[in-house]
C-alpha atoms as a PDB file:
ATOM      1  CA  MET A   1     -46.085  20.389  27.108  1.00  0.00           C
ATOM      2  CA  TYR A   2     -47.208  21.889  30.105  1.00  0.00           C
ATOM      3  CA  ILE A   3     -50.284  24.558  29.498  1.00  0.00           C
ATOM      4  CA  GLU A   4     -51.258  27.023  31.978  1.00  0.00           C
ATOM      5  CA  ARG A   5     -54.115  29.975  31.390  1.00  0.00           C
ATOM      6  CA  LYS A   6     -53.343  32.997  33.156  1.00  0.00           C
ATOM      7  CA  ALA A   7     -56.627  34.784  32.874  1.00  0.00           C
ATOM      8  CA  GLY A   8     -55.064  38.072  34.269  1.00  0.00           C
ATOM      9  CA  ALA A   9     -53.530  35.997  37.248  1.00  0.00           C
ATOM     10  CA  LEU A  10     -50.166  34.521  38.171  1.00  0.00           C
ATOM     11  CA  THR A  11     -51.457  30.997  38.475  1.00  0.00           C
ATOM     12  CA  GLY A  12     -54.573  29.510  36.726  1.00  0.00           C
ATOM     13  CA  GLU A  13     -56.060  26.079  35.363  1.00  0.00           C
ATOM     14  CA  ALA A  14     -53.377  23.905  33.974  1.00  0.00           C
ATOM     15  CA  ARG A  15     -52.812  20.596  32.213  1.00  0.00           C
ATOM     16  CA  ILE A  16     -50.059  18.428  30.414  1.00  0.00           C
ATOM     17  CA  GLY A  17     -50.794  17.219  27.011  1.00  0.00           C
ATOM     18  CA  ARG A  18     -49.515  16.635  23.676  1.00  0.00           C
ATOM     19  CA  VAL A  19     -49.007  19.622  21.108  1.00  0.00           C
ATOM     20  CA  THR A  20     -47.989  20.372  17.235  1.00  0.00           C
ATOM     21  CA  PHE A  21     -46.046  23.240  16.518  1.00  0.00           C
ATOM     22  CA  ASN A  22     -46.554  24.874  12.938  1.00  0.00           C
ATOM     23  CA  LYS A  23     -43.513  25.271  10.573  1.00  0.00           C
ATOM     24  CA  THR A  24     -41.719  27.992  12.029  1.00  0.00           C
ATOM     25  CA  GLY A  25     -42.765  26.747  15.914  1.00  0.00           C
ATOM     26  CA  ARG A  26     -44.528  30.029  17.036  1.00  0.00           C
ATOM     27  CA  THR A  27     -47.779  28.624  16.757  1.00  0.00           C
ATOM     28  CA  ILE A  28     -49.385  25.647  19.230  1.00  0.00           C
ATOM     29  CA  PHE A  29     -52.497  23.713  18.221  1.00  0.00           C
ATOM     30  CA  TYR A  30     -53.977  21.685  21.313  1.00  0.00           C
ATOM     31  CA  ARG A  31     -57.142  20.199  20.652  1.00  0.00           C
ATOM     32  CA  GLU A  32     -59.718  22.833  19.557  1.00  0.00           C
ATOM     33  CA  GLN A  33     -57.274  25.989  20.465  1.00  0.00           C
ATOM     34  CA  VAL A  34     -54.804  27.457  18.688  1.00  0.00           C
ATOM     35  CA  PHE A  35     -52.012  29.263  20.649  1.00  0.00           C
ATOM     36  CA  ARG A  36     -49.677  32.055  18.854  1.00  0.00           C
ATOM     37  CA  ARG A  37     -46.397  33.462  20.191  1.00  0.00           C
ATOM     38  CA  ILE A  38     -46.307  36.651  22.110  1.00  0.00           C
ATOM     39  CA  VAL A  39     -43.535  38.854  20.784  1.00  0.00           C
ATOM     40  CA  GLY A  40     -42.054  40.807  23.504  1.00  0.00           C
ATOM     41  CA  GLY A  41     -43.724  38.961  26.076  1.00  0.00           C
ATOM     42  CA  GLY A  42     -46.795  39.218  27.784  1.00  0.00           C
ATOM     43  CA  PHE A  43     -47.682  39.391  31.892  1.00  0.00           C
ATOM     44  CA  LYS A  44     -46.393  36.035  32.915  1.00  0.00           C
ATOM     45  CA  SER A  45     -47.144  34.475  29.780  1.00  0.00           C
ATOM     46  CA  ASN A  46     -45.659  33.468  26.467  1.00  0.00           C
ATOM     47  CA  TYR A  47     -48.602  32.599  24.128  1.00  0.00           C
ATOM     48  CA  CYS A  48     -52.151  33.830  23.367  1.00  0.00           C
ATOM     49  CA  GLU A  49     -55.092  31.611  22.633  1.00  0.00           C
ATOM     50  CA  GLU A  50     -56.165  32.861  19.300  1.00  0.00           C
ATOM     51  CA  ALA A  51     -59.916  33.054  19.996  1.00  0.00           C
ATOM     52  CA  THR A  52     -60.310  34.168  23.289  1.00  0.00           C
ATOM     53  CA  GLY A  53     -57.303  36.554  23.524  1.00  0.00           C
ATOM     54  CA  GLU A  54     -56.422  34.730  26.856  1.00  0.00           C
ATOM     55  CA  ASN A  55     -52.675  34.553  27.655  1.00  0.00           C
ATOM     56  CA  TYR A  56     -51.022  31.164  28.602  1.00  0.00           C
ATOM     57  CA  TRP A  57     -47.645  29.931  29.729  1.00  0.00           C
ATOM     58  CA  ILE A  58     -46.833  27.183  27.875  1.00  0.00           C
ATOM     59  CA  SER A  59     -43.657  24.812  28.158  1.00  0.00           C
ATOM     60  CA  GLY A  60     -42.125  21.264  28.545  1.00  0.00           C
ATOM     61  CA  PRO A  61     -43.019  19.421  31.370  1.00  0.00           C
ATOM     62  CA  LYS A  62     -40.655  19.398  34.421  1.00  0.00           C
ATOM     63  CA  ARG A  63     -38.333  16.216  35.118  1.00  0.00           C
ATOM     64  CA  ARG A  64     -39.146  16.942  38.927  1.00  0.00           C
ATOM     65  CA  GLY A  65     -42.482  18.206  38.134  1.00  0.00           C
ATOM     66  CA  GLY A  66     -42.428  22.011  39.016  1.00  0.00           C
ATOM     67  CA  ASP A  67     -44.184  23.019  36.155  1.00  0.00           C
ATOM     68  CA  ARG A  68     -46.184  26.005  37.511  1.00  0.00           C
ATOM     69  CA  MET A  69     -44.550  29.219  37.011  1.00  0.00           C
ATOM     70  CA  TYR A  70     -45.251  30.005  40.895  1.00  0.00           C
ATOM     71  CA  GLY A  71     -45.520  27.415  43.456  1.00  0.00           C
ATOM     72  CA  SER A  72     -49.265  26.067  43.860  1.00  0.00           C
ATOM     73  CA  ALA A  73     -51.069  23.964  45.428  1.00  0.00           C
ATOM     74  CA  LEU A  74     -53.808  23.485  42.432  1.00  0.00           C
ATOM     75  CA  PRO A  75     -53.883  20.536  40.850  1.00  0.00           C
ATOM     76  CA  VAL A  76     -52.378  19.825  37.130  1.00  0.00           C
ATOM     77  CA  ASP A  77     -54.409  17.635  34.810  1.00  0.00           C
ATOM     78  CA  ILE A  78     -52.688  15.116  32.821  1.00  0.00           C
ATOM     79  CA  ASP A  79     -54.145  14.343  29.791  1.00  0.00           C
ATOM     80  CA  GLY A  80     -55.375  10.410  29.166  1.00  0.00           C
ATOM     81  CA  ASP A  81     -53.153   9.854  26.147  1.00  0.00           C
ATOM     82  CA  VAL A  82     -49.800  11.015  27.571  1.00  0.00           C
ATOM     83  CA  ARG A  83     -50.602   9.887  30.837  1.00  0.00           C
ATOM     84  CA  ALA A  84     -47.921   6.802  30.636  1.00  0.00           C
ATOM     85  CA  GLU A  85     -45.526   8.759  28.648  1.00  0.00           C
ATOM     86  CA  TYR A  86     -45.469  11.528  31.704  1.00  0.00           C
ATOM     87  CA  TRP A  87     -45.265   9.513  34.788  1.00  0.00           C
ATOM     88  CA  HIS A  88     -42.466   6.962  33.080  1.00  0.00           C
ATOM     89  CA  ASP A  89     -40.293   8.860  30.754  1.00  0.00           C
ATOM     90  CA  ILE A  90     -40.622  12.614  31.982  1.00  0.00           C
ATOM     91  CA  ARG A  91     -40.925  11.868  35.878  1.00  0.00           C
ATOM     92  CA  GLY A  92     -39.220   8.284  36.240  1.00  0.00           C
ATOM     93  CA  MET A  93     -42.137   7.480  38.527  1.00  0.00           C
ATOM     94  CA  PRO A  94     -43.991   4.172  36.776  1.00  0.00           C
ATOM     95  CA  GLU A  95     -45.664   3.545  39.771  1.00  0.00           C
ATOM     96  CA  ARG A  96     -47.971   6.443  39.425  1.00  0.00           C
ATOM     97  CA  LEU A  97     -49.069   5.657  35.840  1.00  0.00           C
ATOM     98  CA  ASN A  98     -52.704   5.996  36.796  1.00  0.00           C
ATOM     99  CA  ASP A  99     -52.678   9.242  38.606  1.00  0.00           C
ATOM    100  CA  HIS A 100     -54.536  11.705  36.455  1.00  0.00           C
ATOM    101  CA  VAL A 101     -53.219  14.658  38.536  1.00  0.00           C
ATOM    102  CA  ALA A 102     -49.921  15.559  39.192  1.00  0.00           C
END
């Protein structure tokens, strides 16, 4: 999934990583973080991090790489455990398998 921290701004630090969902699909678990779906929508965000209350935009990674809600030159880090799957299966660019930034 694509995970972008909003922290009161339109763009923020972002990464692509593997997440899990609870039974209802309204809660996402990523590493040590728990994200709850924002009911009614937030400011350019769709999830809230439970421990800090910070807003995040979380969505599936895009085939063309336009993952950010707003275009930005900021890098998007890719977790090592999903890097090969991201570059090969999602983006169709196996020559970039060693790139850790999209």
